[in-house]
């Protein structure tokens, strides 16, 4: 069996620390860019959903207007009287 050397341990520890700080540095640079892209993507999805809802609502109103029979002639206004005792 081969024993791990002290220099190999120090080298490994150095690489771990180096990669940690390198990752931390790169995240400071790229995290805002990635977050902005994610926000833009979500905003586009929400706008598309809003457009689809508006189109569906317009379709429903146009269909209901077409299916409704023409109104009959209005004879007058109806007034509801309350009985006072």
C-alpha atoms as a PDB file:
ATOM      1  CA  UNK A   1       0.000   0.000   0.000  1.00  0.00           C
ATOM      2  CA  UNK A   2       1.076   3.450  -0.777  1.00  0.00           C
ATOM      3  CA  UNK A   3       0.910   6.149   1.880  1.00  0.00           C
ATOM      4  CA  UNK A   4      -0.269   9.635   1.070  1.00  0.00           C
ATOM      5  CA  UNK A   5       2.468  12.171   1.310  1.00  0.00           C
ATOM      6  CA  UNK A   6       2.274  15.478   3.111  1.00  0.00           C
ATOM      7  CA  UNK A   7       3.132  17.398  -0.068  1.00  0.00           C
ATOM      8  CA  UNK A   8       0.325  15.637  -1.952  1.00  0.00           C
ATOM      9  CA  UNK A   9      -2.105  16.652   0.797  1.00  0.00           C
ATOM     10  CA  UNK A  10      -0.940  20.283   0.682  1.00  0.00           C
ATOM     11  CA  UNK A  11      -1.179  20.283  -3.116  1.00  0.00           C
ATOM     12  CA  UNK A  12      -4.743  18.911  -2.986  1.00  0.00           C
ATOM     13  CA  UNK A  13      -5.732  21.438  -0.337  1.00  0.00           C
ATOM     14  CA  UNK A  14      -4.235  24.237  -2.456  1.00  0.00           C
ATOM     15  CA  UNK A  15      -6.226  23.126  -5.525  1.00  0.00           C
ATOM     16  CA  UNK A  16      -9.460  22.957  -3.538  1.00  0.00           C
ATOM     17  CA  UNK A  17      -8.959  26.491  -2.199  1.00  0.00           C
ATOM     18  CA  UNK A  18      -7.930  27.749  -5.649  1.00  0.00           C
ATOM     19  CA  UNK A  19     -11.035  26.269  -7.314  1.00  0.00           C
ATOM     20  CA  UNK A  20     -13.263  27.655  -4.555  1.00  0.00           C
ATOM     21  CA  UNK A  21     -12.014  31.228  -5.032  1.00  0.00           C
ATOM     22  CA  UNK A  22     -12.013  30.877  -8.817  1.00  0.00           C
ATOM     23  CA  UNK A  23     -15.638  29.662  -8.720  1.00  0.00           C
ATOM     24  CA  UNK A  24     -16.562  32.503  -6.364  1.00  0.00           C
ATOM     25  CA  UNK A  25     -14.939  35.057  -8.684  1.00  0.00           C
ATOM     26  CA  UNK A  26     -16.606  33.674 -11.805  1.00  0.00           C
ATOM     27  CA  UNK A  27     -20.021  33.617 -10.096  1.00  0.00           C
ATOM     28  CA  UNK A  28     -19.669  37.317  -9.302  1.00  0.00           C
ATOM     29  CA  UNK A  29     -19.186  37.958 -12.992  1.00  0.00           C
ATOM     30  CA  UNK A  30     -21.706  35.545 -14.513  1.00  0.00           C
ATOM     31  CA  UNK A  31     -24.479  35.344 -11.886  1.00  0.00           C
ATOM     32  CA  UNK A  32     -26.045  38.738 -12.759  1.00  0.00           C
ATOM     33  CA  UNK A  33     -26.023  37.843 -16.446  1.00  0.00           C
ATOM     34  CA  UNK A  34     -27.654  34.465 -15.800  1.00  0.00           C
ATOM     35  CA  UNK A  35     -30.246  36.024 -13.479  1.00  0.00           C
ATOM     36  CA  UNK A  36     -31.122  38.673 -16.073  1.00  0.00           C
ATOM     37  CA  UNK A  37     -31.629  35.994 -18.722  1.00  0.00           C
ATOM     38  CA  UNK A  38     -33.875  34.007 -16.363  1.00  0.00           C
ATOM     39  CA  UNK A  39     -35.951  37.098 -15.539  1.00  0.00           C
ATOM     40  CA  UNK A  40     -36.323  37.989 -19.220  1.00  0.00           C
ATOM     41  CA  UNK A  41     -37.412  34.446 -20.047  1.00  0.00           C
ATOM     42  CA  UNK A  42     -40.029  34.459 -17.276  1.00  0.00           C
ATOM     43  CA  UNK A  43     -41.273  37.860 -18.416  1.00  0.00           C
ATOM     44  CA  UNK A  44     -41.696  36.628 -21.985  1.00  0.00           C
ATOM     45  CA  UNK A  45     -43.626  33.575 -20.769  1.00  0.00           C
ATOM     46  CA  UNK A  46     -45.931  35.753 -18.687  1.00  0.00           C
ATOM     47  CA  UNK A  47     -46.562  38.104 -21.617  1.00  0.00           C
ATOM     48  CA  UNK A  48     -47.375  35.142 -23.868  1.00  0.00           C
ATOM     49  CA  UNK A  49     -49.809  33.753 -21.289  1.00  0.00           C
ATOM     50  CA  UNK A  50     -51.442  37.176 -20.970  1.00  0.00           C
ATOM     51  CA  UNK A  51     -51.835  37.401 -24.747  1.00  0.00           C
ATOM     52  CA  UNK A  52     -53.386  33.929 -24.890  1.00  0.00           C
ATOM     53  CA  UNK A  53     -55.847  34.807 -22.122  1.00  0.00           C
ATOM     54  CA  UNK A  54     -56.825  38.008 -23.915  1.00  0.00           C
ATOM     55  CA  UNK A  55     -57.392  36.119 -27.164  1.00  0.00           C
ATOM     56  CA  UNK A  56     -59.505  33.483 -25.381  1.00  0.00           C
ATOM     57  CA  UNK A  57     -61.551  36.171 -23.677  1.00  0.00           C
ATOM     58  CA  UNK A  58     -62.138  37.957 -26.984  1.00  0.00           C
ATOM     59  CA  UNK A  59     -63.164  34.670 -28.604  1.00  0.00           C
ATOM     60  CA  UNK A  60     -65.633  33.979 -25.791  1.00  0.00           C
ATOM     61  CA  UNK A  61     -67.196  37.427 -26.027  1.00  0.00           C
ATOM     62  CA  UNK A  62     -67.507  37.237 -29.800  1.00  0.00           C
ATOM     63  CA  UNK A  63     -69.046  33.754 -29.579  1.00  0.00           C
ATOM     64  CA  UNK A  64     -71.504  34.811 -26.900  1.00  0.00           C
ATOM     65  CA  UNK A  65     -72.508  37.874 -28.915  1.00  0.00           C
ATOM     66  CA  UNK A  66     -73.126  35.720 -31.979  1.00  0.00           C
ATOM     67  CA  UNK A  67     -75.131  33.110 -30.099  1.00  0.00           C
ATOM     68  CA  UNK A  68     -77.316  35.601 -28.204  1.00  0.00           C
ATOM     69  CA  UNK A  69     -80.710  36.205 -29.805  1.00  0.00           C
ATOM     70  CA  UNK A  70     -81.633  39.735 -30.705  1.00  0.00           C
ATOM     71  CA  UNK A  71     -83.232  41.654 -27.891  1.00  0.00           C
ATOM     72  CA  UNK A  72     -86.952  42.114 -27.977  1.00  0.00           C
ATOM     73  CA  UNK A  73     -88.495  45.497 -27.960  1.00  0.00           C
ATOM     74  CA  UNK A  74     -88.319  47.117 -24.565  1.00  0.00           C
ATOM     75  CA  UNK A  75     -91.731  48.092 -23.343  1.00  0.00           C
ATOM     76  CA  UNK A  76     -90.642  50.257 -20.504  1.00  0.00           C
ATOM     77  CA  UNK A  77     -88.799  50.342 -17.261  1.00  0.00           C
ATOM     78  CA  UNK A  78     -89.980  48.037 -14.510  1.00  0.00           C
ATOM     79  CA  UNK A  79     -90.202  49.505 -11.029  1.00  0.00           C
ATOM     80  CA  UNK A  80     -90.330  47.316  -7.976  1.00  0.00           C
ATOM     81  CA  UNK A  81     -92.482  48.784  -5.206  1.00  0.00           C
ATOM     82  CA  UNK A  82     -92.156  47.849  -1.574  1.00  0.00           C
ATOM     83  CA  UNK A  83     -95.238  47.549   0.556  1.00  0.00           C
ATOM     84  CA  UNK A  84     -95.126  49.873   3.550  1.00  0.00           C
ATOM     85  CA  UNK A  85     -97.160  48.954   6.646  1.00  0.00           C
END
